[in-house]
Amino acid sequence: MASLPSQKKILEQDLGTDTPTWTRKLLSPINSFFESIYSAFNKDITFRENIRCEYRDLIVKTSATYNSGEFELITFKNNLKEKADCVLIAQISENKSNFIPIKQPVSISWNEYNKEITIHHIAGLEPSKEYKVKLLIY
């Protein structure tokens, strides 16, 4: 990606002396807008600032019979203004003091009803273990 040119501001001196006074009142909001856009395009905007989303941290315990399909439902309130379009696993690891990555593909089965999100199953885990899960909901 090409880098952005340096940011410029419109100064009163740039307008000249014969410019109407009302145009000078526009300089501050215009310069502020350009500064915000420049900052966003210059990689200073975060995922949370860019889209409506929520991060949710959970502790998930799998049962001894997890491999046979047994999974305890996880339910929580959707705090977004609208219905969630997607629930993604942003990060998952065993719940231990040192980071232990999950080496198999992991997927999630969920639905939303009346502003409540229910996770029906998380595939790719091992039985009788506890996991830290960070979800991205948008």
N, C-alpha and C. Protein backbone atom coordinates (compact mmCIF):
# COMPACT_ATOMS: atom_id res chain seq x y z
N MET A 1 0.84 -1.18 0.00
CA MET A 1 0.00 0.00 0.00
C MET A 1 0.89 1.24 0.00
N ALA A 2 0.55 2.20 -0.80
CA ALA A 2 1.31 3.44 -0.88
C ALA A 2 1.10 4.25 0.39
N SER A 3 2.11 4.98 0.78
CA SER A 3 1.98 5.81 1.98
C SER A 3 1.22 7.10 1.64
N LEU A 4 0.63 7.67 2.65
CA LEU A 4 -0.15 8.90 2.46
C LEU A 4 0.78 10.10 2.40
N PRO A 5 0.42 11.11 1.62
CA PRO A 5 1.22 12.34 1.64
C PRO A 5 1.05 13.01 3.00
N SER A 6 1.95 13.90 3.34
CA SER A 6 1.84 14.57 4.63
C SER A 6 0.53 15.34 4.71
N GLN A 7 0.03 15.44 5.93
CA GLN A 7 -1.26 16.09 6.16
C GLN A 7 -1.12 17.60 6.05
N LYS A 8 -2.06 18.22 5.40
CA LYS A 8 -2.05 19.67 5.23
C LYS A 8 -3.30 20.25 5.88
N LYS A 9 -3.20 21.50 6.32
CA LYS A 9 -4.33 22.22 6.89
C LYS A 9 -4.60 23.45 6.04
N ILE A 10 -5.84 23.86 6.04
CA ILE A 10 -6.22 25.10 5.36
C ILE A 10 -6.14 26.22 6.41
N LEU A 11 -5.30 27.17 6.17
CA LEU A 11 -5.11 28.28 7.09
C LEU A 11 -5.84 29.52 6.59
N GLU A 12 -6.11 30.45 7.50
CA GLU A 12 -6.77 31.70 7.11
C GLU A 12 -5.97 32.45 6.06
N GLN A 13 -4.65 32.39 6.16
CA GLN A 13 -3.78 33.08 5.22
C GLN A 13 -3.95 32.51 3.80
N ASP A 14 -4.31 31.24 3.71
CA ASP A 14 -4.50 30.61 2.40
C ASP A 14 -5.72 31.17 1.67
N LEU A 15 -6.67 31.71 2.43
CA LEU A 15 -7.91 32.20 1.82
C LEU A 15 -7.78 33.58 1.21
N GLY A 16 -6.87 34.34 1.68
CA GLY A 16 -6.73 35.71 1.15
C GLY A 16 -7.57 36.69 1.95
N THR A 17 -7.40 37.96 1.65
CA THR A 17 -8.09 39.00 2.42
C THR A 17 -9.50 39.27 1.95
N ASP A 18 -9.82 38.96 0.71
CA ASP A 18 -11.15 39.28 0.18
C ASP A 18 -12.14 38.10 0.34
N THR A 19 -11.84 37.14 1.20
CA THR A 19 -12.72 35.99 1.42
C THR A 19 -13.79 36.37 2.45
N PRO A 20 -15.06 35.96 2.21
CA PRO A 20 -16.13 36.27 3.18
C PRO A 20 -15.81 35.67 4.56
N THR A 21 -16.27 36.34 5.61
CA THR A 21 -15.96 35.91 6.98
C THR A 21 -16.59 34.55 7.31
N TRP A 22 -17.74 34.24 6.71
CA TRP A 22 -18.39 32.96 7.03
C TRP A 22 -17.55 31.76 6.60
N THR A 23 -16.71 31.93 5.57
CA THR A 23 -15.87 30.80 5.13
C THR A 23 -14.78 30.49 6.16
N ARG A 24 -14.36 31.51 6.90
CA ARG A 24 -13.34 31.29 7.93
C ARG A 24 -13.89 30.40 9.06
N LYS A 25 -15.20 30.46 9.32
CA LYS A 25 -15.80 29.64 10.37
C LYS A 25 -15.80 28.15 9.99
N LEU A 26 -15.65 27.85 8.74
CA LEU A 26 -15.62 26.46 8.29
C LEU A 26 -14.26 25.79 8.44
N LEU A 27 -13.23 26.58 8.63
CA LEU A 27 -11.87 26.03 8.66
C LEU A 27 -11.67 24.99 9.76
N SER A 28 -12.12 25.26 10.95
CA SER A 28 -11.90 24.33 12.06
C SER A 28 -12.57 22.97 11.82
N PRO A 29 -13.88 22.92 11.47
CA PRO A 29 -14.48 21.60 11.22
C PRO A 29 -13.89 20.89 10.01
N ILE A 30 -13.53 21.63 8.99
CA ILE A 30 -12.93 21.01 7.80
C ILE A 30 -11.57 20.41 8.15
N ASN A 31 -10.74 21.18 8.86
CA ASN A 31 -9.43 20.68 9.25
C ASN A 31 -9.55 19.48 10.20
N SER A 32 -10.50 19.53 11.10
CA SER A 32 -10.73 18.42 12.03
C SER A 32 -11.16 17.16 11.27
N PHE A 33 -12.04 17.31 10.31
CA PHE A 33 -12.50 16.18 9.48
C PHE A 33 -11.32 15.56 8.72
N PHE A 34 -10.53 16.41 8.07
CA PHE A 34 -9.37 15.91 7.31
C PHE A 34 -8.38 15.19 8.23
N GLU A 35 -8.20 15.72 9.44
CA GLU A 35 -7.28 15.08 10.39
C GLU A 35 -7.79 13.69 10.79
N SER A 36 -9.09 13.55 11.03
CA SER A 36 -9.67 12.25 11.39
C SER A 36 -9.54 11.25 10.25
N ILE A 37 -9.84 11.68 9.04
CA ILE A 37 -9.74 10.80 7.88
C ILE A 37 -8.30 10.39 7.63
N TYR A 38 -7.40 11.34 7.75
CA TYR A 38 -5.97 11.05 7.55
C TYR A 38 -5.51 10.01 8.57
N SER A 39 -5.91 10.19 9.81
CA SER A 39 -5.52 9.26 10.87
C SER A 39 -6.07 7.87 10.60
N ALA A 40 -7.32 7.77 10.15
CA ALA A 40 -7.92 6.47 9.84
C ALA A 40 -7.20 5.78 8.70
N PHE A 41 -6.92 6.51 7.64
CA PHE A 41 -6.24 5.92 6.49
C PHE A 41 -4.76 5.64 6.76
N ASN A 42 -4.23 6.23 7.82
CA ASN A 42 -2.83 6.03 8.16
C ASN A 42 -2.67 4.93 9.22
N LYS A 43 -3.62 4.00 9.26
CA LYS A 43 -3.60 2.80 10.11
C LYS A 43 -3.73 3.12 11.59
N ASP A 44 -4.40 4.18 11.95
CA ASP A 44 -4.61 4.50 13.36
C ASP A 44 -6.01 4.14 13.86
N ILE A 45 -6.81 3.49 13.05
CA ILE A 45 -8.17 3.15 13.46
C ILE A 45 -8.21 1.68 13.88
N THR A 46 -8.93 1.41 14.94
CA THR A 46 -9.02 0.04 15.43
C THR A 46 -10.27 -0.63 14.89
N PHE A 47 -10.32 -1.94 15.05
CA PHE A 47 -11.48 -2.71 14.59
C PHE A 47 -12.75 -2.23 15.29
N ARG A 48 -12.64 -1.99 16.60
CA ARG A 48 -13.82 -1.55 17.36
C ARG A 48 -14.30 -0.17 16.92
N GLU A 49 -13.39 0.71 16.50
CA GLU A 49 -13.79 2.04 16.05
C GLU A 49 -14.39 2.01 14.65
N ASN A 50 -14.04 0.99 13.90
CA ASN A 50 -14.44 0.94 12.50
C ASN A 50 -15.84 0.35 12.30
N ILE A 51 -16.19 -0.66 13.08
CA ILE A 51 -17.51 -1.29 12.93
C ILE A 51 -18.15 -1.47 14.30
N ARG A 52 -19.46 -1.64 14.31
CA ARG A 52 -20.13 -1.93 15.57
C ARG A 52 -19.81 -3.38 15.93
N CYS A 53 -19.20 -3.58 17.08
CA CYS A 53 -18.84 -4.93 17.48
C CYS A 53 -18.69 -4.99 19.00
N GLU A 54 -18.58 -6.18 19.48
CA GLU A 54 -18.37 -6.42 20.90
C GLU A 54 -17.41 -7.59 21.05
N TYR A 55 -16.49 -7.47 21.97
CA TYR A 55 -15.63 -8.59 22.34
C TYR A 55 -16.20 -9.22 23.60
N ARG A 56 -16.15 -10.52 23.68
CA ARG A 56 -16.66 -11.23 24.85
C ARG A 56 -15.65 -12.30 25.24
N ASP A 57 -15.23 -12.31 26.49
CA ASP A 57 -14.31 -13.33 27.00
C ASP A 57 -15.10 -14.36 27.79
N LEU A 58 -14.87 -15.63 27.48
CA LEU A 58 -15.57 -16.73 28.14
C LEU A 58 -14.58 -17.78 28.61
N ILE A 59 -14.99 -18.53 29.61
CA ILE A 59 -14.30 -19.75 30.01
C ILE A 59 -15.25 -20.89 29.66
N VAL A 60 -14.77 -21.82 28.83
CA VAL A 60 -15.59 -22.94 28.37
C VAL A 60 -14.97 -24.23 28.89
N LYS A 61 -15.80 -25.03 29.55
CA LYS A 61 -15.35 -26.33 30.05
C LYS A 61 -16.04 -27.42 29.22
N THR A 62 -15.25 -28.31 28.66
CA THR A 62 -15.83 -29.43 27.91
C THR A 62 -16.01 -30.62 28.85
N SER A 63 -17.06 -31.37 28.60
CA SER A 63 -17.34 -32.55 29.43
C SER A 63 -16.51 -33.74 28.97
N ALA A 64 -16.54 -34.79 29.75
CA ALA A 64 -15.84 -36.02 29.38
C ALA A 64 -16.46 -36.64 28.14
N THR A 65 -17.74 -36.36 27.89
CA THR A 65 -18.44 -36.92 26.73
C THR A 65 -18.56 -35.92 25.59
N TYR A 66 -17.66 -34.94 25.56
CA TYR A 66 -17.68 -33.91 24.52
C TYR A 66 -17.62 -34.51 23.12
N ASN A 67 -16.79 -35.52 22.91
CA ASN A 67 -16.63 -36.12 21.58
C ASN A 67 -17.91 -36.77 21.06
N SER A 68 -18.81 -37.13 21.95
CA SER A 68 -20.08 -37.72 21.49
C SER A 68 -21.13 -36.64 21.22
N GLY A 69 -20.72 -35.38 21.26
CA GLY A 69 -21.62 -34.29 20.90
C GLY A 69 -22.19 -33.54 22.08
N GLU A 70 -21.88 -33.95 23.30
CA GLU A 70 -22.42 -33.27 24.47
C GLU A 70 -21.69 -31.95 24.68
N PHE A 71 -22.46 -30.88 24.77
CA PHE A 71 -21.90 -29.54 24.97
C PHE A 71 -22.90 -28.73 25.76
N GLU A 72 -22.44 -28.11 26.84
CA GLU A 72 -23.33 -27.28 27.65
C GLU A 72 -23.55 -25.94 26.95
N LEU A 73 -24.82 -25.60 26.70
CA LEU A 73 -25.14 -24.35 26.00
C LEU A 73 -24.59 -23.15 26.77
N ILE A 74 -24.12 -22.16 26.02
CA ILE A 74 -23.63 -20.90 26.59
C ILE A 74 -24.55 -19.80 26.07
N THR A 75 -25.15 -19.05 26.97
CA THR A 75 -26.09 -18.00 26.58
C THR A 75 -25.66 -16.68 27.20
N PHE A 76 -25.72 -15.62 26.39
CA PHE A 76 -25.42 -14.28 26.90
C PHE A 76 -26.19 -13.25 26.08
N LYS A 77 -26.34 -12.07 26.67
CA LYS A 77 -27.10 -10.98 26.05
C LYS A 77 -26.29 -10.33 24.93
N ASN A 78 -26.97 -10.01 23.83
CA ASN A 78 -26.37 -9.23 22.75
C ASN A 78 -26.51 -7.76 23.14
N ASN A 79 -25.39 -7.08 23.36
CA ASN A 79 -25.41 -5.67 23.74
C ASN A 79 -25.37 -4.71 22.56
N LEU A 80 -25.35 -5.23 21.35
CA LEU A 80 -25.35 -4.37 20.17
C LEU A 80 -26.76 -3.83 19.94
N LYS A 81 -26.87 -2.74 19.21
CA LYS A 81 -28.17 -2.15 18.93
C LYS A 81 -29.00 -3.01 17.99
N GLU A 82 -28.33 -3.77 17.13
CA GLU A 82 -29.02 -4.61 16.16
C GLU A 82 -28.68 -6.07 16.39
N LYS A 83 -29.36 -6.92 15.68
CA LYS A 83 -29.10 -8.34 15.75
C LYS A 83 -27.68 -8.63 15.25
N ALA A 84 -27.01 -9.57 15.88
CA ALA A 84 -25.64 -9.92 15.48
C ALA A 84 -25.66 -10.61 14.12
N ASP A 85 -24.71 -10.25 13.28
CA ASP A 85 -24.54 -10.89 11.98
C ASP A 85 -23.57 -12.06 12.06
N CYS A 86 -22.61 -11.95 12.99
CA CYS A 86 -21.54 -12.94 13.03
C CYS A 86 -20.99 -13.05 14.44
N VAL A 87 -20.68 -14.26 14.83
CA VAL A 87 -19.95 -14.52 16.07
C VAL A 87 -18.72 -15.32 15.68
N LEU A 88 -17.55 -14.74 15.86
CA LEU A 88 -16.30 -15.38 15.48
C LEU A 88 -15.45 -15.67 16.71
N ILE A 89 -14.68 -16.73 16.65
CA ILE A 89 -13.70 -16.99 17.69
C ILE A 89 -12.45 -16.19 17.30
N ALA A 90 -12.15 -15.16 18.08
CA ALA A 90 -10.98 -14.33 17.81
C ALA A 90 -9.72 -15.00 18.34
N GLN A 91 -9.85 -15.68 19.49
CA GLN A 91 -8.70 -16.39 20.07
C GLN A 91 -9.21 -17.46 21.01
N ILE A 92 -8.51 -18.59 21.03
CA ILE A 92 -8.86 -19.67 21.94
C ILE A 92 -7.59 -20.36 22.39
N SER A 93 -7.54 -20.68 23.66
CA SER A 93 -6.39 -21.40 24.21
C SER A 93 -6.85 -22.16 25.45
N GLU A 94 -6.03 -23.12 25.88
CA GLU A 94 -6.35 -23.80 27.13
C GLU A 94 -6.24 -22.80 28.26
N ASN A 95 -7.09 -22.94 29.26
CA ASN A 95 -7.11 -22.00 30.38
C ASN A 95 -6.03 -22.39 31.39
N LYS A 96 -4.82 -22.05 31.06
CA LYS A 96 -3.67 -22.31 31.93
C LYS A 96 -2.85 -21.03 32.00
N SER A 97 -1.95 -20.97 32.96
CA SER A 97 -1.16 -19.74 33.13
C SER A 97 -0.25 -19.47 31.94
N ASN A 98 0.24 -20.52 31.29
CA ASN A 98 1.04 -20.33 30.08
C ASN A 98 0.15 -20.59 28.85
N PHE A 99 0.41 -19.87 27.78
CA PHE A 99 -0.41 -19.98 26.57
C PHE A 99 -0.18 -21.34 25.90
N ILE A 100 -1.26 -22.09 25.72
CA ILE A 100 -1.22 -23.37 25.01
C ILE A 100 -2.18 -23.25 23.83
N PRO A 101 -1.66 -23.16 22.62
CA PRO A 101 -2.53 -22.98 21.46
C PRO A 101 -3.32 -24.24 21.13
N ILE A 102 -4.43 -24.05 20.45
CA ILE A 102 -5.24 -25.15 19.95
C ILE A 102 -4.74 -25.44 18.54
N LYS A 103 -4.44 -26.71 18.27
CA LYS A 103 -3.81 -27.03 16.99
C LYS A 103 -4.79 -27.51 15.93
N GLN A 104 -6.03 -27.79 16.30
CA GLN A 104 -7.04 -28.21 15.33
C GLN A 104 -7.90 -27.00 14.94
N PRO A 105 -8.52 -27.09 13.76
CA PRO A 105 -9.47 -26.02 13.39
C PRO A 105 -10.64 -25.99 14.38
N VAL A 106 -11.07 -24.79 14.72
CA VAL A 106 -12.14 -24.61 15.68
C VAL A 106 -13.26 -23.82 15.00
N SER A 107 -14.49 -24.25 15.23
CA SER A 107 -15.63 -23.51 14.67
C SER A 107 -16.73 -23.43 15.72
N ILE A 108 -17.66 -22.53 15.48
CA ILE A 108 -18.70 -22.27 16.46
C ILE A 108 -20.07 -22.35 15.80
N SER A 109 -21.02 -22.93 16.52
CA SER A 109 -22.41 -22.99 16.07
C SER A 109 -23.24 -22.16 17.05
N TRP A 110 -23.95 -21.16 16.53
CA TRP A 110 -24.67 -20.24 17.41
C TRP A 110 -25.93 -19.74 16.73
N ASN A 111 -26.82 -19.15 17.52
CA ASN A 111 -27.97 -18.42 16.98
C ASN A 111 -28.35 -17.33 17.97
N GLU A 112 -29.21 -16.41 17.52
CA GLU A 112 -29.68 -15.33 18.37
C GLU A 112 -31.19 -15.29 18.34
N TYR A 113 -31.78 -15.14 19.51
CA TYR A 113 -33.22 -15.02 19.62
C TYR A 113 -33.53 -14.05 20.76
N ASN A 114 -34.32 -13.04 20.46
CA ASN A 114 -34.71 -12.02 21.46
C ASN A 114 -33.50 -11.42 22.18
N LYS A 115 -32.51 -10.98 21.41
CA LYS A 115 -31.31 -10.31 21.93
C LYS A 115 -30.46 -11.22 22.82
N GLU A 116 -30.67 -12.54 22.73
CA GLU A 116 -29.83 -13.48 23.46
C GLU A 116 -29.10 -14.38 22.47
N ILE A 117 -27.80 -14.44 22.60
CA ILE A 117 -26.99 -15.29 21.74
C ILE A 117 -26.74 -16.60 22.48
N THR A 118 -26.99 -17.71 21.79
CA THR A 118 -26.76 -19.03 22.35
C THR A 118 -25.72 -19.75 21.51
N ILE A 119 -24.67 -20.20 22.18
CA ILE A 119 -23.66 -21.03 21.52
C ILE A 119 -24.05 -22.47 21.77
N HIS A 120 -24.32 -23.19 20.68
CA HIS A 120 -24.77 -24.57 20.78
C HIS A 120 -23.61 -25.55 20.81
N HIS A 121 -22.53 -25.20 20.14
CA HIS A 121 -21.38 -26.11 20.09
C HIS A 121 -20.14 -25.36 19.60
N ILE A 122 -19.00 -25.72 20.16
CA ILE A 122 -17.71 -25.27 19.64
C ILE A 122 -16.96 -26.53 19.23
N ALA A 123 -16.73 -26.68 17.95
CA ALA A 123 -16.06 -27.88 17.43
C ALA A 123 -14.55 -27.70 17.45
N GLY A 124 -13.84 -28.80 17.61
CA GLY A 124 -12.38 -28.78 17.54
C GLY A 124 -11.70 -28.78 18.89
N LEU A 125 -12.45 -28.95 19.97
CA LEU A 125 -11.87 -28.96 21.31
C LEU A 125 -11.64 -30.40 21.78
N GLU A 126 -11.03 -30.55 22.92
CA GLU A 126 -10.80 -31.87 23.49
C GLU A 126 -11.67 -32.05 24.73
N PRO A 127 -12.05 -33.29 25.04
CA PRO A 127 -12.89 -33.54 26.22
C PRO A 127 -12.17 -33.22 27.53
N SER A 128 -12.94 -32.87 28.52
CA SER A 128 -12.48 -32.65 29.90
C SER A 128 -11.38 -31.60 30.00
N LYS A 129 -11.52 -30.52 29.27
CA LYS A 129 -10.54 -29.43 29.35
C LYS A 129 -11.28 -28.11 29.52
N GLU A 130 -10.53 -27.11 29.97
CA GLU A 130 -11.08 -25.77 30.15
C GLU A 130 -10.33 -24.84 29.20
N TYR A 131 -11.11 -23.99 28.51
CA TYR A 131 -10.55 -23.10 27.48
C TYR A 131 -10.92 -21.65 27.76
N LYS A 132 -9.98 -20.76 27.40
CA LYS A 132 -10.27 -19.33 27.38
C LYS A 132 -10.65 -18.99 25.94
N VAL A 133 -11.80 -18.37 25.78
CA VAL A 133 -12.30 -18.06 24.43
C VAL A 133 -12.60 -16.57 24.35
N LYS A 134 -12.05 -15.92 23.33
CA LYS A 134 -12.38 -14.51 23.04
C LYS A 134 -13.22 -14.49 21.78
N LEU A 135 -14.44 -14.00 21.91
CA LEU A 135 -15.37 -13.93 20.78
C LEU A 135 -15.44 -12.50 20.24
N LEU A 136 -15.61 -12.39 18.95
CA LEU A 136 -15.88 -11.12 18.29
C LEU A 136 -17.28 -11.20 17.74
N ILE A 137 -18.14 -10.31 18.18
CA ILE A 137 -19.55 -10.32 17.79
C ILE A 137 -19.82 -9.04 17.01
N TYR A 138 -20.33 -9.20 15.79
CA TYR A 138 -20.70 -8.00 15.00
C TYR A 138 -21.88 -8.31 14.13
